[in-house]
Amino acid sequence: AIKGTDIADRSVQEMRKQGFLDEVKLAAWHAQMKSIF
């Protein structure tokens, strides 16, 4: 079992680790993922 919000949070963290640092896009994607997952 895992919460959808935790999945969204971790997804953003992993995207940052890949070197993506556009915080505006990450924030928008994070909001979308939280509403989907």
PDB file of all heavy atoms in Angstrom:
ATOM      1  N   ALA A   1       0.842  -1.199   0.000  1.00  0.00           N
ATOM      2  CA  ALA A   1       0.000   0.000   0.000  1.00  0.00           C
ATOM      3  C   ALA A   1       0.878   1.250   0.000  1.00  0.00           C
ATOM      4  O   ALA A   1       1.934   1.276   0.643  1.00  0.00           O
ATOM      5  CB  ALA A   1      -0.900   0.010   1.238  1.00  0.00           C
ATOM      6  N   ILE A   2       0.446   2.251  -0.755  1.00  0.00           N
ATOM      7  CA  ILE A   2       1.154   3.531  -0.795  1.00  0.00           C
ATOM      8  C   ILE A   2       0.167   4.621  -1.180  1.00  0.00           C
ATOM      9  O   ILE A   2      -0.738   4.400  -1.984  1.00  0.00           O
ATOM     10  CB  ILE A   2       2.354   3.481  -1.762  1.00  0.00           C
ATOM     11  CG1 ILE A   2       3.172   4.761  -1.679  1.00  0.00           C
ATOM     12  CG2 ILE A   2       1.898   3.231  -3.165  1.00  0.00           C
ATOM     13  CD1 ILE A   2       4.498   4.673  -2.401  1.00  0.00           C
ATOM     14  N   LYS A   3       0.359   5.803  -0.622  1.00  0.00           N
ATOM     15  CA  LYS A   3      -0.530   6.927  -0.912  1.00  0.00           C
ATOM     16  C   LYS A   3      -0.155   7.557  -2.254  1.00  0.00           C
ATOM     17  O   LYS A   3       1.023   7.712  -2.581  1.00  0.00           O
ATOM     18  CB  LYS A   3      -0.437   7.979   0.186  1.00  0.00           C
ATOM     19  CG  LYS A   3      -0.971   7.514   1.504  1.00  0.00           C
ATOM     20  CD  LYS A   3      -0.839   8.611   2.549  1.00  0.00           C
ATOM     21  CE  LYS A   3      -1.349   8.110   3.890  1.00  0.00           C
ATOM     22  NZ  LYS A   3      -1.154   9.127   4.932  1.00  0.00           N
ATOM     23  N   GLY A   4      -1.169   7.970  -2.993  1.00  0.00           N
ATOM     24  CA  GLY A   4      -0.945   8.622  -4.282  1.00  0.00           C
ATOM     25  C   GLY A   4      -0.122   9.893  -4.154  1.00  0.00           C
ATOM     26  O   GLY A   4       0.713  10.187  -5.014  1.00  0.00           O
ATOM     27  N   THR A   5      -0.331  10.646  -3.093  1.00  0.00           N
ATOM     28  CA  THR A   5       0.450  11.881  -2.907  1.00  0.00           C
ATOM     29  C   THR A   5       1.923  11.571  -2.692  1.00  0.00           C
ATOM     30  O   THR A   5       2.788  12.320  -3.142  1.00  0.00           O
ATOM     31  CB  THR A   5      -0.096  12.715  -1.730  1.00  0.00           C
ATOM     32  OG1 THR A   5      -0.114  11.909  -0.556  1.00  0.00           O
ATOM     33  CG2 THR A   5      -1.486  13.239  -2.026  1.00  0.00           C
ATOM     34  N   ASP A   6       2.216  10.448  -2.025  1.00  0.00           N
ATOM     35  CA  ASP A   6       3.619  10.052  -1.854  1.00  0.00           C
ATOM     36  C   ASP A   6       4.248   9.685  -3.188  1.00  0.00           C
ATOM     37  O   ASP A   6       5.425   9.978  -3.436  1.00  0.00           O
ATOM     38  CB  ASP A   6       3.732   8.876  -0.886  1.00  0.00           C
ATOM     39  CG  ASP A   6       3.426   9.255   0.556  1.00  0.00           C
ATOM     40  OD1 ASP A   6       3.458  10.458   0.878  1.00  0.00           O
ATOM     41  OD2 ASP A   6       3.144   8.337   1.344  1.00  0.00           O
ATOM     42  N   ILE A   7       3.478   9.061  -4.063  1.00  0.00           N
ATOM     43  CA  ILE A   7       3.979   8.714  -5.394  1.00  0.00           C
ATOM     44  C   ILE A   7       4.327   9.997  -6.159  1.00  0.00           C
ATOM     45  O   ILE A   7       5.383  10.088  -6.786  1.00  0.00           O
ATOM     46  CB  ILE A   7       2.950   7.871  -6.170  1.00  0.00           C
ATOM     47  CG1 ILE A   7       2.723   6.529  -5.470  1.00  0.00           C
ATOM     48  CG2 ILE A   7       3.421   7.641  -7.612  1.00  0.00           C
ATOM     49  CD1 ILE A   7       1.533   5.752  -6.002  1.00  0.00           C
ATOM     50  N   ALA A   8       3.445  10.985  -6.094  1.00  0.00           N
ATOM     51  CA  ALA A   8       3.695  12.255  -6.779  1.00  0.00           C
ATOM     52  C   ALA A   8       4.930  12.949  -6.210  1.00  0.00           C
ATOM     53  O   ALA A   8       5.777  13.453  -6.961  1.00  0.00           O
ATOM     54  CB  ALA A   8       2.472  13.158  -6.664  1.00  0.00           C
ATOM     55  N   ASP A   9       5.042  12.971  -4.888  1.00  0.00           N
ATOM     56  CA  ASP A   9       6.195  13.612  -4.240  1.00  0.00           C
ATOM     57  C   ASP A   9       7.501  12.956  -4.670  1.00  0.00           C
ATOM     58  O   ASP A   9       8.465  13.632  -5.036  1.00  0.00           O
ATOM     59  CB  ASP A   9       6.075  13.521  -2.717  1.00  0.00           C
ATOM     60  CG  ASP A   9       4.917  14.319  -2.135  1.00  0.00           C
ATOM     61  OD1 ASP A   9       4.334  15.165  -2.850  1.00  0.00           O
ATOM     62  OD2 ASP A   9       4.584  14.074  -0.950  1.00  0.00           O
ATOM     63  N   ARG A  10       7.530  11.651  -4.654  1.00  0.00           N
ATOM     64  CA  ARG A  10       8.748  10.917  -5.022  1.00  0.00           C
ATOM     65  C   ARG A  10       9.075  11.080  -6.502  1.00  0.00           C
ATOM     66  O   ARG A  10      10.248  11.130  -6.892  1.00  0.00           O
ATOM     67  CB  ARG A  10       8.634   9.436  -4.680  1.00  0.00           C
ATOM     68  CG  ARG A  10       8.366   9.142  -3.239  1.00  0.00           C
ATOM     69  CD  ARG A  10       9.526   9.515  -2.344  1.00  0.00           C
ATOM     70  NE  ARG A  10       9.238   9.085  -0.984  1.00  0.00           N
ATOM     71  CZ  ARG A  10       9.602   9.759   0.088  1.00  0.00           C
ATOM     72  NH1 ARG A  10      10.271  10.874  -0.027  1.00  0.00           N
ATOM     73  NH2 ARG A  10       9.313   9.311   1.282  1.00  0.00           N
ATOM     74  N   SER A  11       8.029  11.150  -7.326  1.00  0.00           N
ATOM     75  CA  SER A  11       8.256  11.344  -8.764  1.00  0.00           C
ATOM     76  C   SER A  11       9.009  12.634  -9.019  1.00  0.00           C
ATOM     77  O   SER A  11       9.971  12.667  -9.794  1.00  0.00           O
ATOM     78  CB  SER A  11       6.921  11.352  -9.514  1.00  0.00           C
ATOM     79  OG  SER A  11       6.275  10.118  -9.418  1.00  0.00           O
ATOM     80  N   VAL A  12       8.599  13.696  -8.372  1.00  0.00           N
ATOM     81  CA  VAL A  12       9.269  14.991  -8.542  1.00  0.00           C
ATOM     82  C   VAL A  12      10.710  14.918  -8.039  1.00  0.00           C
ATOM     83  O   VAL A  12      11.628  15.437  -8.687  1.00  0.00           O
ATOM     84  CB  VAL A  12       8.472  16.114  -7.836  1.00  0.00           C
ATOM     85  CG1 VAL A  12       9.281  17.397  -7.758  1.00  0.00           C
ATOM     86  CG2 VAL A  12       7.158  16.356  -8.566  1.00  0.00           C
ATOM     87  N   GLN A  13      10.924  14.256  -6.923  1.00  0.00           N
ATOM     88  CA  GLN A  13      12.284  14.119  -6.397  1.00  0.00           C
ATOM     89  C   GLN A  13      13.181  13.380  -7.382  1.00  0.00           C
ATOM     90  O   GLN A  13      14.329  13.770  -7.614  1.00  0.00           O
ATOM     91  CB  GLN A  13      12.264  13.400  -5.047  1.00  0.00           C
ATOM     92  CG  GLN A  13      11.667  14.223  -3.935  1.00  0.00           C
ATOM     93  CD  GLN A  13      11.529  13.442  -2.639  1.00  0.00           C
ATOM     94  OE1 GLN A  13      12.010  12.311  -2.510  1.00  0.00           O
ATOM     95  NE2 GLN A  13      10.868  14.042  -1.669  1.00  0.00           N
ATOM     96  N   GLU A  14      12.656  12.325  -7.972  1.00  0.00           N
ATOM     97  CA  GLU A  14      13.439  11.551  -8.941  1.00  0.00           C
ATOM     98  C   GLU A  14      13.710  12.361 -10.213  1.00  0.00           C
ATOM     99  O   GLU A  14      14.778  12.243 -10.811  1.00  0.00           O
ATOM    100  CB  GLU A  14      12.745  10.235  -9.279  1.00  0.00           C
ATOM    101  CG  GLU A  14      12.808   9.209  -8.176  1.00  0.00           C
ATOM    102  CD  GLU A  14      14.205   8.662  -7.944  1.00  0.00           C
ATOM    103  OE1 GLU A  14      14.949   8.415  -8.915  1.00  0.00           O
ATOM    104  OE2 GLU A  14      14.548   8.474  -6.759  1.00  0.00           O
ATOM    105  N   MET A  15      12.752  13.172 -10.635  1.00  0.00           N
ATOM    106  CA  MET A  15      12.966  14.024 -11.809  1.00  0.00           C
ATOM    107  C   MET A  15      14.088  15.022 -11.543  1.00  0.00           C
ATOM    108  O   MET A  15      14.912  15.284 -12.424  1.00  0.00           O
ATOM    109  CB  MET A  15      11.669  14.738 -12.181  1.00  0.00           C
ATOM    110  CG  MET A  15      10.624  13.825 -12.759  1.00  0.00           C
ATOM    111  SD  MET A  15       9.076  14.739 -13.000  1.00  0.00           S
ATOM    112  CE  MET A  15       8.107  13.528 -13.865  1.00  0.00           C
ATOM    113  N   ARG A  16      14.126  15.578 -10.350  1.00  0.00           N
ATOM    114  CA  ARG A  16      15.211  16.488  -9.981  1.00  0.00           C
ATOM    115  C   ARG A  16      16.553  15.760 -10.035  1.00  0.00           C
ATOM    116  O   ARG A  16      17.553  16.324 -10.486  1.00  0.00           O
ATOM    117  CB  ARG A  16      14.994  17.043  -8.572  1.00  0.00           C
ATOM    118  CG  ARG A  16      14.016  18.163  -8.492  1.00  0.00           C
ATOM    119  CD  ARG A  16      14.018  18.787  -7.092  1.00  0.00           C
ATOM    120  NE  ARG A  16      12.951  19.749  -6.979  1.00  0.00           N
ATOM    121  CZ  ARG A  16      11.836  19.557  -6.279  1.00  0.00           C
ATOM    122  NH1 ARG A  16      11.642  18.441  -5.591  1.00  0.00           N
ATOM    123  NH2 ARG A  16      10.904  20.484  -6.245  1.00  0.00           N
ATOM    124  N   LYS A  17      16.575  14.528  -9.560  1.00  0.00           N
ATOM    125  CA  LYS A  17      17.823  13.764  -9.543  1.00  0.00           C
ATOM    126  C   LYS A  17      18.334  13.469 -10.948  1.00  0.00           C
ATOM    127  O   LYS A  17      19.522  13.220 -11.133  1.00  0.00           O
ATOM    128  CB  LYS A  17      17.644  12.465  -8.764  1.00  0.00           C
ATOM    129  CG  LYS A  17      17.549  12.704  -7.282  1.00  0.00           C
ATOM    130  CD  LYS A  17      17.389  11.410  -6.537  1.00  0.00           C
ATOM    131  CE  LYS A  17      17.284  11.705  -5.053  1.00  0.00           C
ATOM    132  NZ  LYS A  17      17.121  10.486  -4.267  1.00  0.00           N
ATOM    133  N   GLN A  18      17.438  13.503 -11.931  1.00  0.00           N
ATOM    134  CA  GLN A  18      17.859  13.320 -13.322  1.00  0.00           C
ATOM    135  C   GLN A  18      18.464  14.606 -13.875  1.00  0.00           C
ATOM    136  O   GLN A  18      18.939  14.634 -14.997  1.00  0.00           O
ATOM    137  CB  GLN A  18      16.670  12.908 -14.189  1.00  0.00           C
ATOM    138  CG  GLN A  18      16.167  11.519 -13.913  1.00  0.00           C
ATOM    139  CD  GLN A  18      14.985  11.175 -14.783  1.00  0.00           C
ATOM    140  OE1 GLN A  18      15.047  11.308 -16.004  1.00  0.00           O
ATOM    141  NE2 GLN A  18      13.901  10.747 -14.164  1.00  0.00           N
ATOM    142  N   GLY A  19      18.395  15.685 -13.084  1.00  0.00           N
ATOM    143  CA  GLY A  19      18.995  16.939 -13.491  1.00  0.00           C
ATOM    144  C   GLY A  19      17.998  17.979 -13.963  1.00  0.00           C
ATOM    145  O   GLY A  19      18.389  19.056 -14.407  1.00  0.00           O
ATOM    146  N   PHE A  20      16.706  17.705 -13.876  1.00  0.00           N
ATOM    147  CA  PHE A  20      15.695  18.670 -14.303  1.00  0.00           C
ATOM    148  C   PHE A  20      15.413  19.626 -13.151  1.00  0.00           C
ATOM    149  O   PHE A  20      14.972  19.208 -12.081  1.00  0.00           O
ATOM    150  CB  PHE A  20      14.411  17.962 -14.733  1.00  0.00           C
ATOM    151  CG  PHE A  20      13.432  18.883 -15.416  1.00  0.00           C
ATOM    152  CD1 PHE A  20      13.615  19.244 -16.729  1.00  0.00           C
ATOM    153  CD2 PHE A  20      12.350  19.392 -14.720  1.00  0.00           C
ATOM    154  CE1 PHE A  20      12.732  20.097 -17.373  1.00  0.00           C
ATOM    155  CE2 PHE A  20      11.451  20.241 -15.343  1.00  0.00           C
ATOM    156  CZ  PHE A  20      11.648  20.594 -16.672  1.00  0.00           C
ATOM    157  N   LEU A  21      15.673  20.908 -13.374  1.00  0.00           N
ATOM    158  CA  LEU A  21      15.585  21.875 -12.282  1.00  0.00           C
ATOM    159  C   LEU A  21      14.617  23.025 -12.537  1.00  0.00           C
ATOM    160  O   LEU A  21      14.652  24.021 -11.815  1.00  0.00           O
ATOM    161  CB  LEU A  21      16.982  22.431 -11.983  1.00  0.00           C
ATOM    162  CG  LEU A  21      18.035  21.375 -11.607  1.00  0.00           C
ATOM    163  CD1 LEU A  21      19.402  22.003 -11.446  1.00  0.00           C
ATOM    164  CD2 LEU A  21      17.630  20.609 -10.369  1.00  0.00           C
ATOM    165  N   ASP A  22      13.743  22.901 -13.528  1.00  0.00           N
ATOM    166  CA  ASP A  22      12.745  23.941 -13.779  1.00  0.00           C
ATOM    167  C   ASP A  22      11.634  23.788 -12.743  1.00  0.00           C
ATOM    168  O   ASP A  22      10.700  23.015 -12.915  1.00  0.00           O
ATOM    169  CB  ASP A  22      12.194  23.805 -15.197  1.00  0.00           C
ATOM    170  CG  ASP A  22      11.215  24.898 -15.570  1.00  0.00           C
ATOM    171  OD1 ASP A  22      10.573  25.491 -14.672  1.00  0.00           O
ATOM    172  OD2 ASP A  22      11.069  25.166 -16.786  1.00  0.00           O
ATOM    173  N   GLU A  23      11.751  24.542 -11.662  1.00  0.00           N
ATOM    174  CA  GLU A  23      10.830  24.394 -10.535  1.00  0.00           C
ATOM    175  C   GLU A  23       9.399  24.786 -10.881  1.00  0.00           C
ATOM    176  O   GLU A  23       8.452  24.267 -10.283  1.00  0.00           O
ATOM    177  CB  GLU A  23      11.329  25.184  -9.327  1.00  0.00           C
ATOM    178  CG  GLU A  23      12.593  24.615  -8.711  1.00  0.00           C
ATOM    179  CD  GLU A  23      12.447  23.185  -8.203  1.00  0.00           C
ATOM    180  OE1 GLU A  23      11.364  22.826  -7.686  1.00  0.00           O
ATOM    181  OE2 GLU A  23      13.416  22.416  -8.325  1.00  0.00           O
ATOM    182  N   VAL A  24       9.207  25.662 -11.849  1.00  0.00           N
ATOM    183  CA  VAL A  24       7.853  26.041 -12.255  1.00  0.00           C
ATOM    184  C   VAL A  24       7.158  24.841 -12.907  1.00  0.00           C
ATOM    185  O   VAL A  24       6.023  24.503 -12.563  1.00  0.00           O
ATOM    186  CB  VAL A  24       7.875  27.261 -13.197  1.00  0.00           C
ATOM    187  CG1 VAL A  24       6.489  27.554 -13.750  1.00  0.00           C
ATOM    188  CG2 VAL A  24       8.428  28.475 -12.464  1.00  0.00           C
ATOM    189  N   LYS A  25       7.858  24.182 -13.837  1.00  0.00           N
ATOM    190  CA  LYS A  25       7.278  23.005 -14.484  1.00  0.00           C
ATOM    191  C   LYS A  25       7.084  21.872 -13.478  1.00  0.00           C
ATOM    192  O   LYS A  25       6.062  21.188 -13.491  1.00  0.00           O
ATOM    193  CB  LYS A  25       8.152  22.513 -15.638  1.00  0.00           C
ATOM    194  CG  LYS A  25       7.926  23.248 -16.923  1.00  0.00           C
ATOM    195  CD  LYS A  25       8.626  22.544 -18.061  1.00  0.00           C
ATOM    196  CE  LYS A  25       8.342  23.249 -19.368  1.00  0.00           C
ATOM    197  NZ  LYS A  25       9.007  22.595 -20.504  1.00  0.00           N
ATOM    198  N   LEU A  26       8.081  21.668 -12.617  1.00  0.00           N
ATOM    199  CA  LEU A  26       7.963  20.606 -11.623  1.00  0.00           C
ATOM    200  C   LEU A  26       6.758  20.826 -10.712  1.00  0.00           C
ATOM    201  O   LEU A  26       6.041  19.882 -10.387  1.00  0.00           O
ATOM    202  CB  LEU A  26       9.243  20.494 -10.791  1.00  0.00           C
ATOM    203  CG  LEU A  26      10.442  19.850 -11.488  1.00  0.00           C
ATOM    204  CD1 LEU A  26      11.695  19.999 -10.633  1.00  0.00           C
ATOM    205  CD2 LEU A  26      10.185  18.385 -11.797  1.00  0.00           C
ATOM    206  N   ALA A  27       6.527  22.063 -10.332  1.00  0.00           N
ATOM    207  CA  ALA A  27       5.372  22.368  -9.467  1.00  0.00           C
ATOM    208  C   ALA A  27       4.061  22.082 -10.196  1.00  0.00           C
ATOM    209  O   ALA A  27       3.117  21.533  -9.615  1.00  0.00           O
ATOM    210  CB  ALA A  27       5.426  23.818  -9.006  1.00  0.00           C
ATOM    211  N   ALA A  28       3.986  22.435 -11.473  1.00  0.00           N
ATOM    212  CA  ALA A  28       2.775  22.187 -12.256  1.00  0.00           C
ATOM    213  C   ALA A  28       2.554  20.678 -12.416  1.00  0.00           C
ATOM    214  O   ALA A  28       1.432  20.188 -12.239  1.00  0.00           O
ATOM    215  CB  ALA A  28       2.868  22.864 -13.618  1.00  0.00           C
ATOM    216  N   TRP A  29       3.608  19.947 -12.738  1.00  0.00           N
ATOM    217  CA  TRP A  29       3.490  18.496 -12.896  1.00  0.00           C
ATOM    218  C   TRP A  29       3.133  17.842 -11.565  1.00  0.00           C
ATOM    219  O   TRP A  29       2.339  16.906 -11.524  1.00  0.00           O
ATOM    220  CB  TRP A  29       4.779  17.894 -13.431  1.00  0.00           C
ATOM    221  CG  TRP A  29       5.099  18.273 -14.849  1.00  0.00           C
ATOM    222  CD1 TRP A  29       4.233  18.694 -15.821  1.00  0.00           C
ATOM    223  CD2 TRP A  29       6.383  18.258 -15.459  1.00  0.00           C
ATOM    224  NE1 TRP A  29       4.905  18.937 -16.981  1.00  0.00           N
ATOM    225  CE2 TRP A  29       6.221  18.678 -16.796  1.00  0.00           C
ATOM    226  CE3 TRP A  29       7.661  17.937 -15.013  1.00  0.00           C
ATOM    227  CZ2 TRP A  29       7.296  18.765 -17.680  1.00  0.00           C
ATOM    228  CZ3 TRP A  29       8.727  18.030 -15.885  1.00  0.00           C
ATOM    229  CH2 TRP A  29       8.533  18.441 -17.215  1.00  0.00           C
ATOM    230  N   HIS A  30       3.727  18.330 -10.490  1.00  0.00           N
ATOM    231  CA  HIS A  30       3.452  17.778  -9.166  1.00  0.00           C
ATOM    232  C   HIS A  30       1.965  17.904  -8.848  1.00  0.00           C
ATOM    233  O   HIS A  30       1.342  16.942  -8.382  1.00  0.00           O
ATOM    234  CB  HIS A  30       4.309  18.487  -8.116  1.00  0.00           C
ATOM    235  CG  HIS A  30       4.196  17.905  -6.760  1.00  0.00           C
ATOM    236  ND1 HIS A  30       3.710  18.626  -5.697  1.00  0.00           N
ATOM    237  CD2 HIS A  30       4.502  16.668  -6.286  1.00  0.00           C
ATOM    238  CE1 HIS A  30       3.730  17.859  -4.621  1.00  0.00           C
ATOM    239  NE2 HIS A  30       4.202  16.668  -4.948  1.00  0.00           N
ATOM    240  N   ALA A  31       1.401  19.064  -9.105  1.00  0.00           N
ATOM    241  CA  ALA A  31      -0.034  19.268  -8.854  1.00  0.00           C
ATOM    242  C   ALA A  31      -0.873  18.313  -9.705  1.00  0.00           C
ATOM    243  O   ALA A  31      -1.852  17.736  -9.218  1.00  0.00           O
ATOM    244  CB  ALA A  31      -0.415  20.720  -9.140  1.00  0.00           C
ATOM    245  N   GLN A  32      -0.492  18.146 -10.965  1.00  0.00           N
ATOM    246  CA  GLN A  32      -1.232  17.231 -11.841  1.00  0.00           C
ATOM    247  C   GLN A  32      -1.115  15.789 -11.354  1.00  0.00           C
ATOM    248  O   GLN A  32      -2.110  15.070 -11.305  1.00  0.00           O
ATOM    249  CB  GLN A  32      -0.732  17.344 -13.284  1.00  0.00           C
ATOM    250  CG  GLN A  32      -1.115  18.648 -13.961  1.00  0.00           C
ATOM    251  CD  GLN A  32      -0.526  18.727 -15.351  1.00  0.00           C
ATOM    252  OE1 GLN A  32       0.680  18.847 -15.532  1.00  0.00           O
ATOM    253  NE2 GLN A  32      -1.395  18.645 -16.347  1.00  0.00           N
ATOM    254  N   MET A  33       0.093  15.378 -11.001  1.00  0.00           N
ATOM    255  CA  MET A  33       0.281  14.003 -10.539  1.00  0.00           C
ATOM    256  C   MET A  33      -0.493  13.748  -9.248  1.00  0.00           C
ATOM    257  O   MET A  33      -1.082  12.681  -9.081  1.00  0.00           O
ATOM    258  CB  MET A  33       1.772  13.685 -10.355  1.00  0.00           C
ATOM    259  CG  MET A  33       2.521  13.548 -11.664  1.00  0.00           C
ATOM    260  SD  MET A  33       4.241  13.003 -11.477  1.00  0.00           S
ATOM    261  CE  MET A  33       5.023  14.475 -10.806  1.00  0.00           C
ATOM    262  N   LYS A  34      -0.501  14.713  -8.347  1.00  0.00           N
ATOM    263  CA  LYS A  34      -1.247  14.542  -7.093  1.00  0.00           C
ATOM    264  C   LYS A  34      -2.736  14.349  -7.363  1.00  0.00           C
ATOM    265  O   LYS A  34      -3.412  13.621  -6.638  1.00  0.00           O
ATOM    266  CB  LYS A  34      -1.018  15.735  -6.166  1.00  0.00           C
ATOM    267  CG  LYS A  34       0.315  15.670  -5.460  1.00  0.00           C
ATOM    268  CD  LYS A  34       0.681  16.870  -4.610  1.00  0.00           C
ATOM    269  CE  LYS A  34      -0.417  17.571  -3.917  1.00  0.00           C
ATOM    270  NZ  LYS A  34       0.024  18.701  -3.083  1.00  0.00           N
ATOM    271  N   SER A  35      -3.239  14.986  -8.405  1.00  0.00           N
ATOM    272  CA  SER A  35      -4.663  14.832  -8.716  1.00  0.00           C
ATOM    273  C   SER A  35      -4.960  13.538  -9.486  1.00  0.00           C
ATOM    274  O   SER A  35      -6.097  13.091  -9.518  1.00  0.00           O
ATOM    275  CB  SER A  35      -5.172  16.038  -9.509  1.00  0.00           C
ATOM    276  OG  SER A  35      -4.667  16.038 -10.821  1.00  0.00           O
ATOM    277  N   ILE A  36      -3.942  12.936 -10.085  1.00  0.00           N
ATOM    278  CA  ILE A  36      -4.119  11.726 -10.895  1.00  0.00           C
ATOM    279  C   ILE A  36      -3.824  10.456 -10.107  1.00  0.00           C
ATOM    280  O   ILE A  36      -4.593   9.501 -10.165  1.00  0.00           O
ATOM    281  CB  ILE A  36      -3.211  11.768 -12.149  1.00  0.00           C
ATOM    282  CG1 ILE A  36      -3.661  12.876 -13.105  1.00  0.00           C
ATOM    283  CG2 ILE A  36      -3.200  10.416 -12.856  1.00  0.00           C
ATOM    284  CD1 ILE A  36      -2.686  13.126 -14.250  1.00  0.00           C
ATOM    285  N   PHE A  37      -2.729  10.422  -9.392  1.00  0.00           N
ATOM    286  CA  PHE A  37      -2.260   9.181  -8.782  1.00  0.00           C
ATOM    287  C   PHE A  37      -3.147   8.775  -7.608  1.00  0.00           C
ATOM    288  O   PHE A  37      -3.252   9.487  -6.620  1.00  0.00           O
ATOM    289  CB  PHE A  37      -0.824   9.320  -8.293  1.00  0.00           C
ATOM    290  CG  PHE A  37       0.203   9.566  -9.365  1.00  0.00           C
ATOM    291  CD1 PHE A  37       1.472   9.953  -9.030  1.00  0.00           C
ATOM    292  CD2 PHE A  37      -0.089   9.409 -10.710  1.00  0.00           C
ATOM    293  CE1 PHE A  37       2.444  10.185  -9.998  1.00  0.00           C
ATOM    294  CE2 PHE A  37       0.857   9.636 -11.699  1.00  0.00           C
ATOM    295  CZ  PHE A  37       2.131  10.021 -11.331  1.00  0.00           C
TER     296      PHE A  37
END
